[in-house]
């Protein structure tokens, strides 16, 4: 999985506490949730998936006590 850092993705991090990842096409939502939870030790509120241009994107909304900007900062992207 790869964290997406476009202008829209940064707006989602700040406004909706949501991270955007590019994932493998075969990954299901429960697999994505398990991997993100284990990698970043965060609680996930909701996952939405989008397939566009033969790529799959996962929009991961974190629960209120965990900030998406903190996760992005840990990865050195913010």
N, C-alpha and C. Protein backbone atom coordinates (compact mmCIF):
# COMPACT_ATOMS: atom_id res chain seq x y z
N UNK A 1 0.83 -1.18 0.00
CA UNK A 1 0.00 0.00 0.00
C UNK A 1 0.87 1.24 0.00
N UNK A 2 0.34 2.27 -0.64
CA UNK A 2 1.10 3.51 -0.77
C UNK A 2 0.19 4.67 -0.39
N UNK A 3 0.65 5.50 0.53
CA UNK A 3 -0.11 6.68 0.94
C UNK A 3 -0.06 7.72 -0.16
N UNK A 4 -1.22 8.25 -0.52
CA UNK A 4 -1.33 9.26 -1.58
C UNK A 4 -1.27 10.64 -0.93
N UNK A 5 -0.44 11.52 -1.50
CA UNK A 5 -0.29 12.89 -0.96
C UNK A 5 -0.53 13.91 -2.06
N UNK A 6 -1.74 13.95 -2.58
CA UNK A 6 -2.12 14.98 -3.54
C UNK A 6 -2.76 16.14 -2.77
N UNK A 7 -3.09 17.19 -3.47
CA UNK A 7 -3.73 18.34 -2.83
C UNK A 7 -5.07 17.94 -2.22
N UNK A 8 -5.83 17.13 -2.95
CA UNK A 8 -7.13 16.66 -2.44
C UNK A 8 -6.93 15.77 -1.21
N UNK A 9 -5.94 14.90 -1.23
CA UNK A 9 -5.69 14.01 -0.11
C UNK A 9 -5.30 14.80 1.15
N UNK A 10 -4.51 15.85 0.99
CA UNK A 10 -4.13 16.68 2.13
C UNK A 10 -5.35 17.40 2.70
N UNK A 11 -6.26 17.85 1.83
CA UNK A 11 -7.49 18.48 2.30
C UNK A 11 -8.35 17.49 3.08
N UNK A 12 -8.38 16.22 2.64
CA UNK A 12 -9.14 15.21 3.37
C UNK A 12 -8.51 14.91 4.73
N UNK A 13 -7.19 14.93 4.80
CA UNK A 13 -6.51 14.70 6.07
C UNK A 13 -6.90 15.79 7.06
N UNK A 14 -6.87 17.03 6.61
CA UNK A 14 -7.15 18.15 7.51
C UNK A 14 -8.63 18.28 7.84
N UNK A 15 -9.50 18.12 6.85
CA UNK A 15 -10.93 18.40 7.05
C UNK A 15 -11.71 17.21 7.61
N UNK A 16 -11.40 15.99 7.14
CA UNK A 16 -12.22 14.84 7.49
C UNK A 16 -11.48 13.74 8.25
N UNK A 17 -10.22 13.98 8.61
CA UNK A 17 -9.43 12.97 9.33
C UNK A 17 -9.37 11.66 8.54
N UNK A 18 -9.12 11.78 7.23
CA UNK A 18 -9.13 10.64 6.32
C UNK A 18 -7.80 10.51 5.60
N UNK A 19 -7.29 9.29 5.53
CA UNK A 19 -6.07 8.99 4.77
C UNK A 19 -6.45 8.30 3.47
N UNK A 20 -5.68 8.53 2.41
CA UNK A 20 -5.95 7.92 1.11
C UNK A 20 -4.76 7.04 0.75
N UNK A 21 -5.03 5.77 0.48
CA UNK A 21 -3.99 4.82 0.10
C UNK A 21 -4.31 4.21 -1.25
N UNK A 22 -3.27 3.95 -2.05
CA UNK A 22 -3.42 3.14 -3.25
C UNK A 22 -3.14 1.71 -2.84
N UNK A 23 -4.07 0.82 -3.13
CA UNK A 23 -3.93 -0.57 -2.69
C UNK A 23 -3.95 -1.52 -3.89
N UNK A 24 -3.68 -2.78 -3.60
CA UNK A 24 -3.76 -3.80 -4.63
C UNK A 24 -5.23 -4.04 -4.97
N UNK A 25 -5.50 -4.35 -6.22
CA UNK A 25 -6.88 -4.56 -6.67
C UNK A 25 -7.55 -5.73 -5.96
N UNK A 26 -6.79 -6.70 -5.51
CA UNK A 26 -7.39 -7.90 -4.92
C UNK A 26 -7.71 -7.74 -3.43
N UNK A 27 -7.25 -6.66 -2.82
CA UNK A 27 -7.47 -6.47 -1.37
C UNK A 27 -8.91 -6.09 -1.10
N UNK A 28 -9.49 -6.74 -0.08
CA UNK A 28 -10.83 -6.43 0.36
C UNK A 28 -10.75 -5.45 1.52
N UNK A 29 -11.89 -4.84 1.86
CA UNK A 29 -11.91 -3.82 2.91
C UNK A 29 -11.42 -4.35 4.25
N UNK A 30 -11.81 -5.58 4.61
CA UNK A 30 -11.37 -6.12 5.90
C UNK A 30 -9.86 -6.37 5.93
N UNK A 31 -9.28 -6.75 4.79
CA UNK A 31 -7.83 -6.94 4.71
C UNK A 31 -7.10 -5.60 4.84
N UNK A 32 -7.65 -4.57 4.19
CA UNK A 32 -7.06 -3.24 4.27
C UNK A 32 -7.11 -2.74 5.71
N UNK A 33 -8.26 -2.92 6.36
CA UNK A 33 -8.43 -2.48 7.74
C UNK A 33 -7.42 -3.16 8.67
N UNK A 34 -7.25 -4.47 8.50
CA UNK A 34 -6.32 -5.22 9.34
C UNK A 34 -4.89 -4.72 9.14
N UNK A 35 -4.49 -4.51 7.89
CA UNK A 35 -3.12 -4.08 7.60
C UNK A 35 -2.84 -2.67 8.15
N UNK A 36 -3.76 -1.74 7.95
CA UNK A 36 -3.56 -0.37 8.43
C UNK A 36 -3.53 -0.35 9.96
N UNK A 37 -4.41 -1.11 10.59
CA UNK A 37 -4.45 -1.16 12.05
C UNK A 37 -3.14 -1.69 12.61
N UNK A 38 -2.59 -2.73 11.98
CA UNK A 38 -1.33 -3.31 12.46
C UNK A 38 -0.13 -2.39 12.19
N UNK A 39 -0.10 -1.77 11.01
CA UNK A 39 1.04 -0.92 10.66
C UNK A 39 1.13 0.35 11.49
N UNK A 40 0.00 1.02 11.66
CA UNK A 40 0.02 2.35 12.28
C UNK A 40 -0.59 2.40 13.68
N UNK A 41 -1.12 1.28 14.17
CA UNK A 41 -1.73 1.22 15.50
C UNK A 41 -2.79 2.31 15.67
N UNK A 42 -3.76 2.33 14.75
CA UNK A 42 -4.84 3.32 14.76
C UNK A 42 -6.19 2.61 14.77
N UNK A 43 -7.23 3.34 15.15
CA UNK A 43 -8.59 2.82 15.11
C UNK A 43 -9.29 3.42 13.90
N UNK A 44 -9.93 2.55 13.13
CA UNK A 44 -10.57 2.97 11.89
C UNK A 44 -12.08 3.06 12.09
N UNK A 45 -12.64 4.17 11.63
CA UNK A 45 -14.08 4.38 11.71
C UNK A 45 -14.78 3.79 10.50
N UNK A 46 -14.26 4.11 9.28
CA UNK A 46 -14.93 3.68 8.06
C UNK A 46 -13.93 3.60 6.92
N UNK A 47 -14.16 2.67 6.00
CA UNK A 47 -13.32 2.54 4.81
C UNK A 47 -14.22 2.61 3.57
N UNK A 48 -13.81 3.45 2.62
CA UNK A 48 -14.48 3.50 1.31
C UNK A 48 -13.44 3.13 0.27
N UNK A 49 -13.86 2.39 -0.74
CA UNK A 49 -12.94 1.98 -1.80
C UNK A 49 -13.40 2.55 -3.13
N UNK A 50 -12.43 2.93 -3.96
CA UNK A 50 -12.71 3.50 -5.27
C UNK A 50 -11.76 2.87 -6.28
N UNK A 51 -12.30 2.41 -7.40
CA UNK A 51 -11.47 1.90 -8.48
C UNK A 51 -11.53 2.92 -9.61
N UNK A 52 -10.35 3.43 -9.98
CA UNK A 52 -10.26 4.46 -11.01
C UNK A 52 -8.99 4.23 -11.81
N UNK A 53 -9.10 4.23 -13.14
CA UNK A 53 -7.96 4.03 -14.03
C UNK A 53 -7.18 2.76 -13.70
N UNK A 54 -7.90 1.69 -13.44
CA UNK A 54 -7.33 0.38 -13.13
C UNK A 54 -6.46 0.39 -11.88
N UNK A 55 -6.75 1.29 -10.94
CA UNK A 55 -6.08 1.34 -9.65
C UNK A 55 -7.16 1.41 -8.57
N UNK A 56 -6.86 0.86 -7.42
CA UNK A 56 -7.82 0.87 -6.32
C UNK A 56 -7.31 1.79 -5.21
N UNK A 57 -8.18 2.68 -4.78
CA UNK A 57 -7.85 3.63 -3.73
C UNK A 57 -8.75 3.35 -2.53
N UNK A 58 -8.16 3.41 -1.34
CA UNK A 58 -8.91 3.23 -0.10
C UNK A 58 -8.90 4.54 0.68
N UNK A 59 -10.09 5.03 0.98
CA UNK A 59 -10.25 6.23 1.79
C UNK A 59 -10.55 5.76 3.20
N UNK A 60 -9.62 5.98 4.13
CA UNK A 60 -9.71 5.44 5.48
C UNK A 60 -9.95 6.57 6.47
N UNK A 61 -11.16 6.59 7.03
CA UNK A 61 -11.52 7.61 8.02
C UNK A 61 -11.17 7.06 9.40
N UNK A 62 -10.35 7.79 10.12
CA UNK A 62 -9.91 7.36 11.44
C UNK A 62 -10.88 7.85 12.50
N UNK A 63 -10.95 7.11 13.61
CA UNK A 63 -11.79 7.52 14.72
C UNK A 63 -11.24 8.80 15.33
N UNK A 64 -12.09 9.53 16.04
CA UNK A 64 -11.78 10.86 16.53
C UNK A 64 -10.54 10.99 17.39
N UNK A 65 -10.19 9.97 18.18
CA UNK A 65 -9.04 10.08 19.07
C UNK A 65 -7.70 9.94 18.35
N UNK A 66 -7.71 9.47 17.10
CA UNK A 66 -6.50 9.33 16.31
C UNK A 66 -6.55 10.33 15.16
N UNK A 67 -5.52 11.15 15.04
CA UNK A 67 -5.49 12.17 14.00
C UNK A 67 -4.72 11.68 12.77
N UNK A 68 -5.30 11.86 11.60
CA UNK A 68 -4.67 11.43 10.35
C UNK A 68 -3.40 12.22 10.09
N UNK A 69 -3.37 13.48 10.51
CA UNK A 69 -2.18 14.31 10.28
C UNK A 69 -0.99 13.76 11.08
N UNK A 70 -1.25 13.15 12.25
CA UNK A 70 -0.17 12.54 13.03
C UNK A 70 0.44 11.36 12.30
N UNK A 71 -0.41 10.54 11.65
CA UNK A 71 0.07 9.39 10.89
C UNK A 71 0.91 9.86 9.70
N UNK A 72 0.44 10.88 9.00
CA UNK A 72 1.18 11.42 7.85
C UNK A 72 2.50 12.04 8.30
N UNK A 73 2.52 12.65 9.46
CA UNK A 73 3.75 13.25 9.99
C UNK A 73 4.76 12.16 10.35
N UNK A 74 4.28 11.06 10.94
CA UNK A 74 5.17 9.94 11.27
C UNK A 74 5.84 9.38 10.02
N UNK A 75 5.11 9.40 8.91
CA UNK A 75 5.67 8.89 7.65
C UNK A 75 6.56 9.93 6.96
N UNK A 76 6.64 11.13 7.51
CA UNK A 76 7.49 12.18 6.96
C UNK A 76 6.90 12.86 5.74
N UNK A 77 5.58 12.82 5.60
CA UNK A 77 4.94 13.41 4.43
C UNK A 77 4.34 14.77 4.69
N UNK A 78 4.23 15.16 5.94
CA UNK A 78 3.66 16.47 6.27
C UNK A 78 4.67 17.26 7.07
